[in-house]
Structures are given as structure tokens and as C-alpha cells.
Amino acid sequence: MGKMDWKQWIVVGTGALLFSTGAARFFHRHSFGLRDALNCCLTILAAGLLLLVFDYLLHHARLVTVIPLLAAGVLVVSSPVFDVSLGLTLMGAMVLPALSEWKTGKVPSNTPT
């Protein structure tokens, strides 16, 4: 089984921190209904698109990555829904490939065994 790199653990930790921050904001607001749950599920798609755009810009135009980072910062501060969904997206982006590698028994070629 391949081990996750320390960089991947940082991303998972950041995702868990964002998720718990959003959940705490919902808890302190004393309301989490079906509407909020539906908003979280729909916002996962937007958070995934934001990560996809950020990754593309990171590889092709590093200077421009400031724009999606600022947009994500504004959304994280203003909306607990985006906290929860960005946290879930970050954790899913790192954990799901590691689980599929573990399930198939394949170790990536760039990691030491």
C-alpha cells in the first residue's frame, strides 16, 4: 500500500479544518436544514471547479493564481456552506485517489516503496 505524502496530509488537514469551521458556524447559527444541506451538495461542484481552475493556473500562469485564492478566501469568510463544501472537496481530492490505489494494490511509480 502506498503512503500518502506529507503534502497530501496538509491538504487533508486544511480540508478538515475548513469542514469543522463551517460545521461550527452552522452550529452557532442554530440552524441547519434541508435547504442548507442541498446548498452544501451543490456547492461541492463549484468548489471542485474552483480547485480545477486553480490547478490549471498553478501549472500555466502562477501569477494569476492569486485571483482564485482571493475568491476562495472571500467565499470562505462569507459563507459556512462554502466552508463545508470546500473542505469536503479538498479531503476528497486527496483521499479518494489514495483509497483507489489501496484497493487495486497499485503503488504509483514516483513514491518510494
C-alpha atoms as a PDB file:
ATOM      1  CA  MET A   1       0.000   0.000   0.000  1.00  0.00           C
ATOM      2  CA  GLY A   2       1.360   3.408  -0.958  1.00  0.00           C
ATOM      3  CA  LYS A   3       1.622   6.003   1.765  1.00  0.00           C
ATOM      4  CA  MET A   4       0.269   9.487   1.361  1.00  0.00           C
ATOM      5  CA  ASP A   5       2.894  12.196   1.040  1.00  0.00           C
ATOM      6  CA  TRP A   6       3.157  14.864   3.753  1.00  0.00           C
ATOM      7  CA  LYS A   7       1.875  17.459   1.274  1.00  0.00           C
ATOM      8  CA  GLN A   8      -1.284  15.433   0.812  1.00  0.00           C
ATOM      9  CA  TRP A   9      -1.737  15.277   4.576  1.00  0.00           C
ATOM     10  CA  ILE A  10      -1.501  19.076   4.736  1.00  0.00           C
ATOM     11  CA  VAL A  11      -4.289  19.365   2.155  1.00  0.00           C
ATOM     12  CA  VAL A  12      -6.419  16.826   4.053  1.00  0.00           C
ATOM     13  CA  GLY A  13      -5.799  18.709   7.305  1.00  0.00           C
ATOM     14  CA  THR A  14      -6.764  22.005   5.681  1.00  0.00           C
ATOM     15  CA  GLY A  15      -9.923  20.394   4.327  1.00  0.00           C
ATOM     16  CA  ALA A  16     -10.801  19.002   7.753  1.00  0.00           C
ATOM     17  CA  LEU A  17     -10.185  22.424   9.313  1.00  0.00           C
ATOM     18  CA  LEU A  18     -12.434  24.126   6.756  1.00  0.00           C
ATOM     19  CA  PHE A  19     -15.145  21.485   7.213  1.00  0.00           C
ATOM     20  CA  SER A  20     -15.087  21.768  11.007  1.00  0.00           C
ATOM     21  CA  THR A  21     -15.088  25.573  10.820  1.00  0.00           C
ATOM     22  CA  GLY A  22     -18.176  25.526   8.595  1.00  0.00           C
ATOM     23  CA  ALA A  23     -19.907  22.972  10.813  1.00  0.00           C
ATOM     24  CA  ALA A  24     -19.154  25.098  13.883  1.00  0.00           C
ATOM     25  CA  ARG A  25     -20.572  28.165  12.141  1.00  0.00           C
ATOM     26  CA  PHE A  26     -23.759  26.244  11.377  1.00  0.00           C
ATOM     27  CA  PHE A  27     -23.885  25.026  14.997  1.00  0.00           C
ATOM     28  CA  HIS A  28     -23.543  28.550  16.387  1.00  0.00           C
ATOM     29  CA  ARG A  29     -26.209  29.783  13.982  1.00  0.00           C
ATOM     30  CA  HIS A  30     -28.560  27.114  15.413  1.00  0.00           C
ATOM     31  CA  SER A  31     -29.940  26.172  12.030  1.00  0.00           C
ATOM     32  CA  PHE A  32     -29.078  23.521   9.501  1.00  0.00           C
ATOM     33  CA  GLY A  33     -31.981  22.419   7.393  1.00  0.00           C
ATOM     34  CA  LEU A  34     -32.658  20.603   4.188  1.00  0.00           C
ATOM     35  CA  ARG A  35     -32.023  23.789   2.239  1.00  0.00           C
ATOM     36  CA  ASP A  36     -28.543  24.174   3.742  1.00  0.00           C
ATOM     37  CA  ALA A  37     -27.743  20.520   3.051  1.00  0.00           C
ATOM     38  CA  LEU A  38     -28.816  20.924  -0.576  1.00  0.00           C
ATOM     39  CA  ASN A  39     -26.711  24.094  -0.862  1.00  0.00           C
ATOM     40  CA  CYS A  40     -23.673  22.214   0.506  1.00  0.00           C
ATOM     41  CA  CYS A  41     -24.152  19.413  -2.023  1.00  0.00           C
ATOM     42  CA  LEU A  42     -24.491  21.839  -4.927  1.00  0.00           C
ATOM     43  CA  THR A  43     -21.576  23.968  -3.788  1.00  0.00           C
ATOM     44  CA  ILE A  44     -19.280  20.915  -3.890  1.00  0.00           C
ATOM     45  CA  LEU A  45     -19.463  21.196  -7.681  1.00  0.00           C
ATOM     46  CA  ALA A  46     -18.445  24.870  -7.539  1.00  0.00           C
ATOM     47  CA  ALA A  47     -15.599  24.118  -5.108  1.00  0.00           C
ATOM     48  CA  GLY A  48     -14.370  21.333  -7.390  1.00  0.00           C
ATOM     49  CA  LEU A  49     -14.435  23.691 -10.355  1.00  0.00           C
ATOM     50  CA  LEU A  50     -12.508  26.268  -8.326  1.00  0.00           C
ATOM     51  CA  LEU A  51      -9.855  23.652  -7.491  1.00  0.00           C
ATOM     52  CA  LEU A  52      -9.660  22.610 -11.128  1.00  0.00           C
ATOM     53  CA  VAL A  53      -9.165  26.222 -12.282  1.00  0.00           C
ATOM     54  CA  PHE A  54      -6.624  26.825  -9.503  1.00  0.00           C
ATOM     55  CA  ASP A  55      -4.631  23.738 -10.507  1.00  0.00           C
ATOM     56  CA  TYR A  56      -4.645  24.753 -14.173  1.00  0.00           C
ATOM     57  CA  LEU A  57      -3.495  28.273 -13.320  1.00  0.00           C
ATOM     58  CA  LEU A  58      -0.839  26.966 -10.946  1.00  0.00           C
ATOM     59  CA  HIS A  59       0.709  24.970 -13.786  1.00  0.00           C
ATOM     60  CA  HIS A  60       0.344  27.545 -16.550  1.00  0.00           C
ATOM     61  CA  ALA A  61       0.192  31.038 -15.028  1.00  0.00           C
ATOM     62  CA  ARG A  62       1.414  31.127 -11.443  1.00  0.00           C
ATOM     63  CA  LEU A  63       0.969  34.860 -11.017  1.00  0.00           C
ATOM     64  CA  VAL A  64      -2.746  34.643 -11.771  1.00  0.00           C
ATOM     65  CA  THR A  65      -3.394  32.068  -9.007  1.00  0.00           C
ATOM     66  CA  VAL A  66      -3.890  34.995  -6.647  1.00  0.00           C
ATOM     67  CA  ILE A  67      -7.332  35.650  -8.163  1.00  0.00           C
ATOM     68  CA  PRO A  68      -8.932  32.262  -7.328  1.00  0.00           C
ATOM     69  CA  LEU A  69      -7.243  32.311  -3.917  1.00  0.00           C
ATOM     70  CA  LEU A  70      -8.802  35.696  -3.159  1.00  0.00           C
ATOM     71  CA  ALA A  71     -12.186  34.477  -4.418  1.00  0.00           C
ATOM     72  CA  ALA A  72     -11.940  31.366  -2.243  1.00  0.00           C
ATOM     73  CA  GLY A  73     -10.938  33.490   0.746  1.00  0.00           C
ATOM     74  CA  VAL A  74     -13.926  35.780   0.324  1.00  0.00           C
ATOM     75  CA  LEU A  75     -16.286  32.826  -0.063  1.00  0.00           C
ATOM     76  CA  VAL A  76     -14.839  31.009   2.959  1.00  0.00           C
ATOM     77  CA  VAL A  77     -15.212  34.070   5.168  1.00  0.00           C
ATOM     78  CA  SER A  78     -18.716  34.924   3.978  1.00  0.00           C
ATOM     79  CA  SER A  79     -20.409  31.527   3.737  1.00  0.00           C
ATOM     80  CA  PRO A  80     -20.369  28.464   6.017  1.00  0.00           C
ATOM     81  CA  VAL A  81     -21.809  26.474   3.100  1.00  0.00           C
ATOM     82  CA  PHE A  82     -18.630  27.102   1.114  1.00  0.00           C
ATOM     83  CA  ASP A  83     -16.502  26.181   4.155  1.00  0.00           C
ATOM     84  CA  VAL A  84     -18.133  22.776   4.380  1.00  0.00           C
ATOM     85  CA  SER A  85     -18.097  22.061   0.655  1.00  0.00           C
ATOM     86  CA  LEU A  86     -14.520  23.247   0.042  1.00  0.00           C
ATOM     87  CA  GLY A  87     -13.354  21.164   2.997  1.00  0.00           C
ATOM     88  CA  LEU A  88     -15.111  18.073   1.655  1.00  0.00           C
ATOM     89  CA  THR A  89     -13.737  18.716  -1.833  1.00  0.00           C
ATOM     90  CA  LEU A  90     -10.159  19.086  -0.582  1.00  0.00           C
ATOM     91  CA  MET A  91     -10.385  15.928   1.510  1.00  0.00           C
ATOM     92  CA  GLY A  92     -12.000  14.005  -1.333  1.00  0.00           C
ATOM     93  CA  ALA A  93      -9.371  15.168  -3.815  1.00  0.00           C
ATOM     94  CA  MET A  94      -6.621  13.622  -1.698  1.00  0.00           C
ATOM     95  CA  VAL A  95      -8.284  10.628  -0.056  1.00  0.00           C
ATOM     96  CA  LEU A  96     -10.182   9.108  -2.988  1.00  0.00           C
ATOM     97  CA  PRO A  97      -7.084   8.509  -5.179  1.00  0.00           C
ATOM     98  CA  ALA A  98      -5.235   7.042  -2.177  1.00  0.00           C
ATOM     99  CA  LEU A  99      -8.153   4.705  -1.460  1.00  0.00           C
ATOM    100  CA  SER A 100      -8.367   3.572  -5.070  1.00  0.00           C
ATOM    101  CA  GLU A 101      -4.625   2.838  -5.093  1.00  0.00           C
ATOM    102  CA  TRP A 102      -5.010   0.876  -1.881  1.00  0.00           C
ATOM    103  CA  LYS A 103      -7.979  -1.062  -3.269  1.00  0.00           C
ATOM    104  CA  THR A 104      -6.238  -2.028  -6.510  1.00  0.00           C
ATOM    105  CA  GLY A 105      -2.902  -2.651  -4.814  1.00  0.00           C
ATOM    106  CA  LYS A 106      -1.037  -0.407  -7.254  1.00  0.00           C
ATOM    107  CA  VAL A 107       1.716   1.857  -5.998  1.00  0.00           C
ATOM    108  CA  PRO A 108       2.473   4.973  -8.041  1.00  0.00           C
ATOM    109  CA  SER A 109       5.878   4.937  -9.684  1.00  0.00           C
ATOM    110  CA  ASN A 110       7.025   8.222  -8.136  1.00  0.00           C
ATOM    111  CA  THR A 111       6.635   7.149  -4.491  1.00  0.00           C
ATOM    112  CA  PRO A 112       9.299   5.122  -2.706  1.00  0.00           C
ATOM    113  CA  THR A 113       8.276   1.617  -1.620  1.00  0.00           C
END
